[in-house]
PDB file of all heavy atoms in Angstrom:
ATOM      1  N   LEU A   1       3.001  -2.840 -10.131  1.00  0.00           N
ATOM      2  CA  LEU A   1       1.632  -2.455 -10.366  1.00  0.00           C
ATOM      3  C   LEU A   1       1.415  -0.984 -10.353  1.00  0.00           C
ATOM      4  O   LEU A   1       0.444  -0.455 -10.984  1.00  0.00           O
ATOM      5  CB  LEU A   1       0.718  -3.075  -9.407  1.00  0.00           C
ATOM      6  CG  LEU A   1       0.634  -4.646  -9.462  1.00  0.00           C
ATOM      7  CD1 LEU A   1      -0.116  -5.167  -8.256  1.00  0.00           C
ATOM      8  CD2 LEU A   1      -0.074  -5.064 -10.703  1.00  0.00           C
ATOM      9  N   THR A   2       2.412  -0.228  -9.858  1.00  0.00           N
ATOM     10  CA  THR A   2       2.285   1.186  -9.766  1.00  0.00           C
ATOM     11  C   THR A   2       3.334   1.917 -10.494  1.00  0.00           C
ATOM     12  O   THR A   2       3.164   3.252 -10.885  1.00  0.00           O
ATOM     13  CB  THR A   2       2.299   1.740  -8.270  1.00  0.00           C
ATOM     14  OG1 THR A   2       3.568   1.345  -7.731  1.00  0.00           O
ATOM     15  CG2 THR A   2       1.158   1.006  -7.491  1.00  0.00           C
ATOM     16  N   GLY A   3       4.498   1.441 -10.603  1.00  0.00           N
ATOM     17  CA  GLY A   3       5.701   2.114 -11.130  1.00  0.00           C
ATOM     18  C   GLY A   3       6.366   3.119 -10.141  1.00  0.00           C
ATOM     19  O   GLY A   3       7.105   3.968 -10.525  1.00  0.00           O
ATOM     20  N   GLU A   4       5.902   3.141  -8.886  1.00  0.00           N
ATOM     21  CA  GLU A   4       6.395   3.963  -7.846  1.00  0.00           C
ATOM     22  C   GLU A   4       7.111   3.206  -6.706  1.00  0.00           C
ATOM     23  O   GLU A   4       6.877   1.948  -6.573  1.00  0.00           O
ATOM     24  CB  GLU A   4       5.224   4.688  -7.240  1.00  0.00           C
ATOM     25  CG  GLU A   4       4.479   5.615  -8.247  1.00  0.00           C
ATOM     26  CD  GLU A   4       3.411   6.521  -7.537  1.00  0.00           C
ATOM     27  OE1 GLU A   4       3.857   7.148  -6.540  1.00  0.00           O
ATOM     28  OE2 GLU A   4       2.294   6.571  -7.900  1.00  0.00           O
ATOM     29  N   ALA A   5       8.003   3.848  -5.979  1.00  0.00           N
ATOM     30  CA  ALA A   5       8.699   3.255  -4.914  1.00  0.00           C
ATOM     31  C   ALA A   5       7.781   2.754  -3.838  1.00  0.00           C
ATOM     32  O   ALA A   5       6.884   3.495  -3.416  1.00  0.00           O
ATOM     33  CB  ALA A   5       9.656   4.309  -4.414  1.00  0.00           C
ATOM     34  N   PRO A   6       8.020   1.512  -3.398  1.00  0.00           N
ATOM     35  CA  PRO A   6       7.087   0.866  -2.501  1.00  0.00           C
ATOM     36  C   PRO A   6       6.880   1.669  -1.114  1.00  0.00           C
ATOM     37  O   PRO A   6       5.922   1.696  -0.452  1.00  0.00           O
ATOM     38  CB  PRO A   6       7.681  -0.449  -2.299  1.00  0.00           C
ATOM     39  CG  PRO A   6       8.448  -0.667  -3.490  1.00  0.00           C
ATOM     40  CD  PRO A   6       8.959   0.561  -3.928  1.00  0.00           C
ATOM     41  N   TYR A   7       8.093   2.280  -0.741  1.00  0.00           N
ATOM     42  CA  TYR A   7       8.049   3.075   0.509  1.00  0.00           C
ATOM     43  C   TYR A   7       6.902   4.152   0.531  1.00  0.00           C
ATOM     44  O   TYR A   7       6.568   4.535   1.715  1.00  0.00           O
ATOM     45  CB  TYR A   7       9.386   3.499   0.900  1.00  0.00           C
ATOM     46  CG  TYR A   7       9.903   4.669   0.163  1.00  0.00           C
ATOM     47  CD1 TYR A   7       9.503   6.075   0.400  1.00  0.00           C
ATOM     48  CD2 TYR A   7      10.866   4.517  -0.840  1.00  0.00           C
ATOM     49  CE1 TYR A   7       9.857   7.027  -0.408  1.00  0.00           C
ATOM     50  CE2 TYR A   7      11.332   5.531  -1.633  1.00  0.00           C
ATOM     51  CZ  TYR A   7      10.839   6.781  -1.377  1.00  0.00           C
ATOM     52  OH  TYR A   7      11.308   7.856  -2.183  1.00  0.00           O
ATOM     53  N   LYS A   8       6.583   4.539  -0.614  1.00  0.00           N
ATOM     54  CA  LYS A   8       5.490   5.687  -0.529  1.00  0.00           C
ATOM     55  C   LYS A   8       4.141   5.093  -0.033  1.00  0.00           C
ATOM     56  O   LYS A   8       3.321   5.902   0.390  1.00  0.00           O
ATOM     57  CB  LYS A   8       5.322   6.259  -1.980  1.00  0.00           C
ATOM     58  CG  LYS A   8       6.517   6.940  -2.544  1.00  0.00           C
ATOM     59  CD  LYS A   8       6.143   7.460  -3.965  1.00  0.00           C
ATOM     60  CE  LYS A   8       7.378   8.175  -4.461  1.00  0.00           C
ATOM     61  NZ  LYS A   8       7.103   8.773  -5.854  1.00  0.00           N
ATOM     62  N   PHE A   9       3.994   3.759  -0.067  1.00  0.00           N
ATOM     63  CA  PHE A   9       2.770   3.166   0.398  1.00  0.00           C
ATOM     64  C   PHE A   9       2.946   2.624   1.801  1.00  0.00           C
ATOM     65  O   PHE A   9       1.998   1.983   2.273  1.00  0.00           O
ATOM     66  CB  PHE A   9       2.320   2.154  -0.664  1.00  0.00           C
ATOM     67  CG  PHE A   9       2.114   2.630  -1.995  1.00  0.00           C
ATOM     68  CD1 PHE A   9       3.153   2.632  -2.979  1.00  0.00           C
ATOM     69  CD2 PHE A   9       0.884   3.083  -2.364  1.00  0.00           C
ATOM     70  CE1 PHE A   9       2.900   3.057  -4.218  1.00  0.00           C
ATOM     71  CE2 PHE A   9       0.540   3.488  -3.627  1.00  0.00           C
ATOM     72  CZ  PHE A   9       1.588   3.547  -4.620  1.00  0.00           C
ATOM     73  N   TYR A  10       4.048   2.857   2.432  1.00  0.00           N
ATOM     74  CA  TYR A  10       4.356   2.308   3.672  1.00  0.00           C
ATOM     75  C   TYR A  10       3.968   3.287   4.812  1.00  0.00           C
ATOM     76  O   TYR A  10       4.605   4.315   4.971  1.00  0.00           O
ATOM     77  CB  TYR A  10       5.866   1.883   3.766  1.00  0.00           C
ATOM     78  CG  TYR A  10       6.205   0.906   4.961  1.00  0.00           C
ATOM     79  CD1 TYR A  10       5.555  -0.327   4.942  1.00  0.00           C
ATOM     80  CD2 TYR A  10       6.995   1.268   5.948  1.00  0.00           C
ATOM     81  CE1 TYR A  10       5.966  -1.268   5.924  1.00  0.00           C
ATOM     82  CE2 TYR A  10       7.534   0.362   6.878  1.00  0.00           C
ATOM     83  CZ  TYR A  10       6.874  -0.877   6.956  1.00  0.00           C
ATOM     84  OH  TYR A  10       7.183  -1.728   7.878  1.00  0.00           O
ATOM     85  N   ARG A  11       2.946   3.012   5.481  1.00  0.00           N
ATOM     86  CA  ARG A  11       2.340   4.122   6.430  1.00  0.00           C
ATOM     87  C   ARG A  11       1.866   3.479   7.676  1.00  0.00           C
ATOM     88  O   ARG A  11       1.711   2.254   7.754  1.00  0.00           O
ATOM     89  CB  ARG A  11       1.001   4.709   5.698  1.00  0.00           C
ATOM     90  CG  ARG A  11       1.376   5.382   4.450  1.00  0.00           C
ATOM     91  CD  ARG A  11       0.110   5.696   3.557  1.00  0.00           C
ATOM     92  NE  ARG A  11       0.444   6.120   2.157  1.00  0.00           N
ATOM     93  CZ  ARG A  11      -0.379   6.067   1.161  1.00  0.00           C
ATOM     94  NH1 ARG A  11      -1.550   5.352   1.320  1.00  0.00           N
ATOM     95  NH2 ARG A  11       0.007   6.520   0.027  1.00  0.00           N
ATOM     96  N   PRO A  12       1.700   4.385   8.687  1.00  0.00           N
ATOM     97  CA  PRO A  12       1.183   3.839  10.084  1.00  0.00           C
ATOM     98  C   PRO A  12      -0.169   3.198   9.935  1.00  0.00           C
ATOM     99  O   PRO A  12      -0.972   3.519   9.142  1.00  0.00           O
ATOM    100  CB  PRO A  12       1.135   5.164  10.835  1.00  0.00           C
ATOM    101  CG  PRO A  12       1.954   6.100  10.097  1.00  0.00           C
ATOM    102  CD  PRO A  12       1.808   5.815   8.664  1.00  0.00           C
ATOM    103  N   SER A  13      -0.286   2.116  10.757  1.00  0.00           N
ATOM    104  CA  SER A  13      -1.595   1.568  10.842  1.00  0.00           C
ATOM    105  C   SER A  13      -1.803   1.034  12.220  1.00  0.00           C
ATOM    106  O   SER A  13      -0.954   1.241  13.293  1.00  0.00           O
ATOM    107  CB  SER A  13      -1.762   0.214   9.890  1.00  0.00           C
ATOM    108  OG  SER A  13      -0.827  -0.706  10.440  1.00  0.00           O
ATOM    109  N   SER A  14      -2.906   0.358  12.546  1.00  0.00           N
ATOM    110  CA  SER A  14      -3.175  -0.063  13.781  1.00  0.00           C
ATOM    111  C   SER A  14      -2.231  -1.229  14.340  1.00  0.00           C
ATOM    112  O   SER A  14      -1.977  -1.361  15.584  1.00  0.00           O
ATOM    113  CB  SER A  14      -4.637  -0.729  13.978  1.00  0.00           C
ATOM    114  OG  SER A  14      -4.727  -1.807  13.062  1.00  0.00           O
ATOM    115  N   LYS A  15      -1.515  -1.781  13.416  1.00  0.00           N
ATOM    116  CA  LYS A  15      -0.557  -2.869  13.702  1.00  0.00           C
ATOM    117  C   LYS A  15       0.864  -2.339  13.461  1.00  0.00           C
ATOM    118  O   LYS A  15       1.813  -3.151  13.331  1.00  0.00           O
ATOM    119  CB  LYS A  15      -0.792  -4.083  12.749  1.00  0.00           C
ATOM    120  CG  LYS A  15      -2.169  -4.718  12.951  1.00  0.00           C
ATOM    121  CD  LYS A  15      -2.407  -5.831  12.040  1.00  0.00           C
ATOM    122  CE  LYS A  15      -1.477  -7.012  12.268  1.00  0.00           C
ATOM    123  NZ  LYS A  15      -1.735  -8.134  11.395  1.00  0.00           N
ATOM    124  N   GLY A  16       1.117  -1.080  13.580  1.00  0.00           N
ATOM    125  CA  GLY A  16       2.382  -0.479  13.297  1.00  0.00           C
ATOM    126  C   GLY A  16       2.500   0.059  11.847  1.00  0.00           C
ATOM    127  O   GLY A  16       1.444   0.640  11.413  1.00  0.00           O
ATOM    128  N   TYR A  17       3.632  -0.131  11.232  1.00  0.00           N
ATOM    129  CA  TYR A  17       3.698   0.297   9.818  1.00  0.00           C
ATOM    130  C   TYR A  17       3.316  -0.854   8.843  1.00  0.00           C
ATOM    131  O   TYR A  17       3.766  -2.043   9.043  1.00  0.00           O
ATOM    132  CB  TYR A  17       5.124   0.898   9.446  1.00  0.00           C
ATOM    133  CG  TYR A  17       5.255   2.270   9.841  1.00  0.00           C
ATOM    134  CD1 TYR A  17       5.447   2.727  11.185  1.00  0.00           C
ATOM    135  CD2 TYR A  17       5.178   3.230   8.857  1.00  0.00           C
ATOM    136  CE1 TYR A  17       5.642   4.020  11.496  1.00  0.00           C
ATOM    137  CE2 TYR A  17       5.318   4.522   9.210  1.00  0.00           C
ATOM    138  CZ  TYR A  17       5.610   4.954  10.533  1.00  0.00           C
ATOM    139  OH  TYR A  17       5.695   6.348  10.805  1.00  0.00           O
ATOM    140  N   GLN A  18       2.502  -0.539   7.869  1.00  0.00           N
ATOM    141  CA  GLN A  18       2.230  -1.587   6.860  1.00  0.00           C
ATOM    142  C   GLN A  18       2.044  -0.856   5.487  1.00  0.00           C
ATOM    143  O   GLN A  18       1.944   0.440   5.420  1.00  0.00           O
ATOM    144  CB  GLN A  18       0.816  -2.257   7.288  1.00  0.00           C
ATOM    145  CG  GLN A  18       0.920  -3.162   8.301  1.00  0.00           C
ATOM    146  CD  GLN A  18      -0.351  -3.917   8.527  1.00  0.00           C
ATOM    147  OE1 GLN A  18      -1.345  -3.249   8.634  1.00  0.00           O
ATOM    148  NE2 GLN A  18      -0.386  -5.191   8.644  1.00  0.00           N
ATOM    149  N   PHE A  19       1.955  -1.775   4.389  1.00  0.00           N
ATOM    150  CA  PHE A  19       1.771  -1.118   3.185  1.00  0.00           C
ATOM    151  C   PHE A  19       0.318  -0.867   3.016  1.00  0.00           C
ATOM    152  O   PHE A  19      -0.561  -1.786   3.107  1.00  0.00           O
ATOM    153  CB  PHE A  19       2.243  -2.084   2.041  1.00  0.00           C
ATOM    154  CG  PHE A  19       3.687  -2.223   1.947  1.00  0.00           C
ATOM    155  CD1 PHE A  19       4.408  -3.176   2.458  1.00  0.00           C
ATOM    156  CD2 PHE A  19       4.428  -1.161   1.299  1.00  0.00           C
ATOM    157  CE1 PHE A  19       5.873  -3.291   2.319  1.00  0.00           C
ATOM    158  CE2 PHE A  19       5.878  -1.199   1.221  1.00  0.00           C
ATOM    159  CZ  PHE A  19       6.530  -2.312   1.740  1.00  0.00           C
ATOM    160  N   GLN A  20      -0.161   0.324   2.621  1.00  0.00           N
ATOM    161  CA  GLN A  20      -1.516   0.644   2.485  1.00  0.00           C
ATOM    162  C   GLN A  20      -1.827   0.715   1.002  1.00  0.00           C
ATOM    163  O   GLN A  20      -1.375   1.506   0.277  1.00  0.00           O
ATOM    164  CB  GLN A  20      -1.756   2.061   3.101  1.00  0.00           C
ATOM    165  CG  GLN A  20      -1.476   2.142   4.571  1.00  0.00           C
ATOM    166  CD  GLN A  20      -2.371   1.293   5.475  1.00  0.00           C
ATOM    167  OE1 GLN A  20      -3.543   1.240   5.222  1.00  0.00           O
ATOM    168  NE2 GLN A  20      -1.741   0.515   6.428  1.00  0.00           N
ATOM    169  N   LEU A  21      -2.657  -0.233   0.537  1.00  0.00           N
ATOM    170  CA  LEU A  21      -2.819  -0.461  -0.960  1.00  0.00           C
ATOM    171  C   LEU A  21      -4.210  -0.060  -1.496  1.00  0.00           C
ATOM    172  O   LEU A  21      -4.551  -0.376  -2.628  1.00  0.00           O
ATOM    173  CB  LEU A  21      -2.484  -1.944  -1.235  1.00  0.00           C
ATOM    174  CG  LEU A  21      -1.200  -2.392  -0.637  1.00  0.00           C
ATOM    175  CD1 LEU A  21      -1.154  -3.853  -0.897  1.00  0.00           C
ATOM    176  CD2 LEU A  21      -0.053  -1.762  -1.226  1.00  0.00           C
ATOM    177  N   ASP A  22      -5.132   0.381  -0.583  1.00  0.00           N
ATOM    178  CA  ASP A  22      -6.384   0.822  -1.066  1.00  0.00           C
ATOM    179  C   ASP A  22      -6.552   1.725  -2.279  1.00  0.00           C
ATOM    180  O   ASP A  22      -7.541   1.647  -3.048  1.00  0.00           O
ATOM    181  CB  ASP A  22      -7.282   1.312   0.077  1.00  0.00           C
ATOM    182  CG  ASP A  22      -7.389   0.386   1.302  1.00  0.00           C
ATOM    183  OD1 ASP A  22      -7.445  -0.878   0.984  1.00  0.00           O
ATOM    184  OD2 ASP A  22      -7.488   0.846   2.334  1.00  0.00           O
ATOM    185  N   SER A  23      -5.506   2.466  -2.388  1.00  0.00           N
ATOM    186  CA  SER A  23      -5.587   3.481  -3.565  1.00  0.00           C
ATOM    187  C   SER A  23      -5.061   2.969  -4.930  1.00  0.00           C
ATOM    188  O   SER A  23      -5.029   3.737  -5.916  1.00  0.00           O
ATOM    189  CB  SER A  23      -4.670   4.720  -3.174  1.00  0.00           C
ATOM    190  OG  SER A  23      -3.348   4.388  -2.900  1.00  0.00           O
ATOM    191  N   ILE A  24      -4.617   1.805  -4.940  1.00  0.00           N
ATOM    192  CA  ILE A  24      -4.119   1.213  -6.173  1.00  0.00           C
ATOM    193  C   ILE A  24      -5.236   0.340  -6.832  1.00  0.00           C
ATOM    194  O   ILE A  24      -5.619  -0.755  -6.356  1.00  0.00           O
ATOM    195  CB  ILE A  24      -2.859   0.291  -5.848  1.00  0.00           C
ATOM    196  CG1 ILE A  24      -1.894   1.014  -5.021  1.00  0.00           C
ATOM    197  CG2 ILE A  24      -2.349  -0.309  -7.144  1.00  0.00           C
ATOM    198  CD1 ILE A  24      -0.725   0.120  -4.593  1.00  0.00           C
ATOM    199  N   PRO A  25      -5.849   0.790  -7.838  1.00  0.00           N
ATOM    200  CA  PRO A  25      -7.007   0.108  -8.428  1.00  0.00           C
ATOM    201  C   PRO A  25      -6.706  -1.239  -9.065  1.00  0.00           C
ATOM    202  O   PRO A  25      -7.602  -2.090  -9.163  1.00  0.00           O
ATOM    203  CB  PRO A  25      -7.415   1.022  -9.622  1.00  0.00           C
ATOM    204  CG  PRO A  25      -6.188   1.914  -9.984  1.00  0.00           C
ATOM    205  CD  PRO A  25      -5.425   1.978  -8.551  1.00  0.00           C
ATOM    206  N   THR A  26      -5.395  -1.455  -9.399  1.00  0.00           N
ATOM    207  CA  THR A  26      -5.056  -2.836 -10.017  1.00  0.00           C
ATOM    208  C   THR A  26      -4.942  -3.898  -8.883  1.00  0.00           C
ATOM    209  O   THR A  26      -4.607  -5.143  -9.223  1.00  0.00           O
ATOM    210  CB  THR A  26      -3.783  -2.691 -10.881  1.00  0.00           C
ATOM    211  OG1 THR A  26      -2.797  -2.029 -10.151  1.00  0.00           O
ATOM    212  CG2 THR A  26      -4.084  -1.874 -12.181  1.00  0.00           C
ATOM    213  N   VAL A  27      -4.833  -3.601  -7.739  1.00  0.00           N
ATOM    214  CA  VAL A  27      -4.682  -4.493  -6.592  1.00  0.00           C
ATOM    215  C   VAL A  27      -6.011  -4.956  -6.155  1.00  0.00           C
ATOM    216  O   VAL A  27      -6.719  -4.173  -5.498  1.00  0.00           O
ATOM    217  CB  VAL A  27      -3.891  -3.873  -5.456  1.00  0.00           C
ATOM    218  CG1 VAL A  27      -3.711  -4.888  -4.273  1.00  0.00           C
ATOM    219  CG2 VAL A  27      -2.434  -3.434  -5.954  1.00  0.00           C
ATOM    220  N   THR A  28      -6.344  -6.176  -6.357  1.00  0.00           N
ATOM    221  CA  THR A  28      -7.500  -6.788  -5.987  1.00  0.00           C
ATOM    222  C   THR A  28      -7.603  -7.040  -4.475  1.00  0.00           C
ATOM    223  O   THR A  28      -6.460  -7.054  -3.906  1.00  0.00           O
ATOM    224  CB  THR A  28      -7.980  -8.071  -6.725  1.00  0.00           C
ATOM    225  OG1 THR A  28      -6.996  -9.041  -6.259  1.00  0.00           O
ATOM    226  CG2 THR A  28      -7.858  -7.794  -8.253  1.00  0.00           C
ATOM    227  N   PRO A  29      -8.800  -7.081  -3.812  1.00  0.00           N
ATOM    228  CA  PRO A  29      -8.731  -7.528  -2.453  1.00  0.00           C
ATOM    229  C   PRO A  29      -8.026  -8.663  -2.121  1.00  0.00           C
ATOM    230  O   PRO A  29      -7.358  -8.806  -1.055  1.00  0.00           O
ATOM    231  CB  PRO A  29     -10.270  -7.582  -2.163  1.00  0.00           C
ATOM    232  CG  PRO A  29     -10.952  -6.841  -3.093  1.00  0.00           C
ATOM    233  CD  PRO A  29     -10.179  -6.933  -4.332  1.00  0.00           C
ATOM    234  N   GLU A  30      -8.045  -9.790  -3.015  1.00  0.00           N
ATOM    235  CA  GLU A  30      -7.339 -11.037  -2.770  1.00  0.00           C
ATOM    236  C   GLU A  30      -5.823 -10.801  -2.812  1.00  0.00           C
ATOM    237  O   GLU A  30      -5.086 -11.316  -2.005  1.00  0.00           O
ATOM    238  CB  GLU A  30      -7.832 -12.013  -3.777  1.00  0.00           C
ATOM    239  CG  GLU A  30      -9.148 -12.488  -3.737  1.00  0.00           C
ATOM    240  CD  GLU A  30     -10.257 -11.474  -4.284  1.00  0.00           C
ATOM    241  OE1 GLU A  30      -9.767 -10.592  -5.045  1.00  0.00           O
ATOM    242  OE2 GLU A  30     -11.416 -11.724  -4.168  1.00  0.00           O
TER     243      GLU A  30
END
């Protein structure tokens, strides 16, 4: 969906490290 390496979206969160996808417009909430 992005053409970019997934680890670029792997960031710290309240549950440790997770993929943060809010900046990807083609990823629906579902």
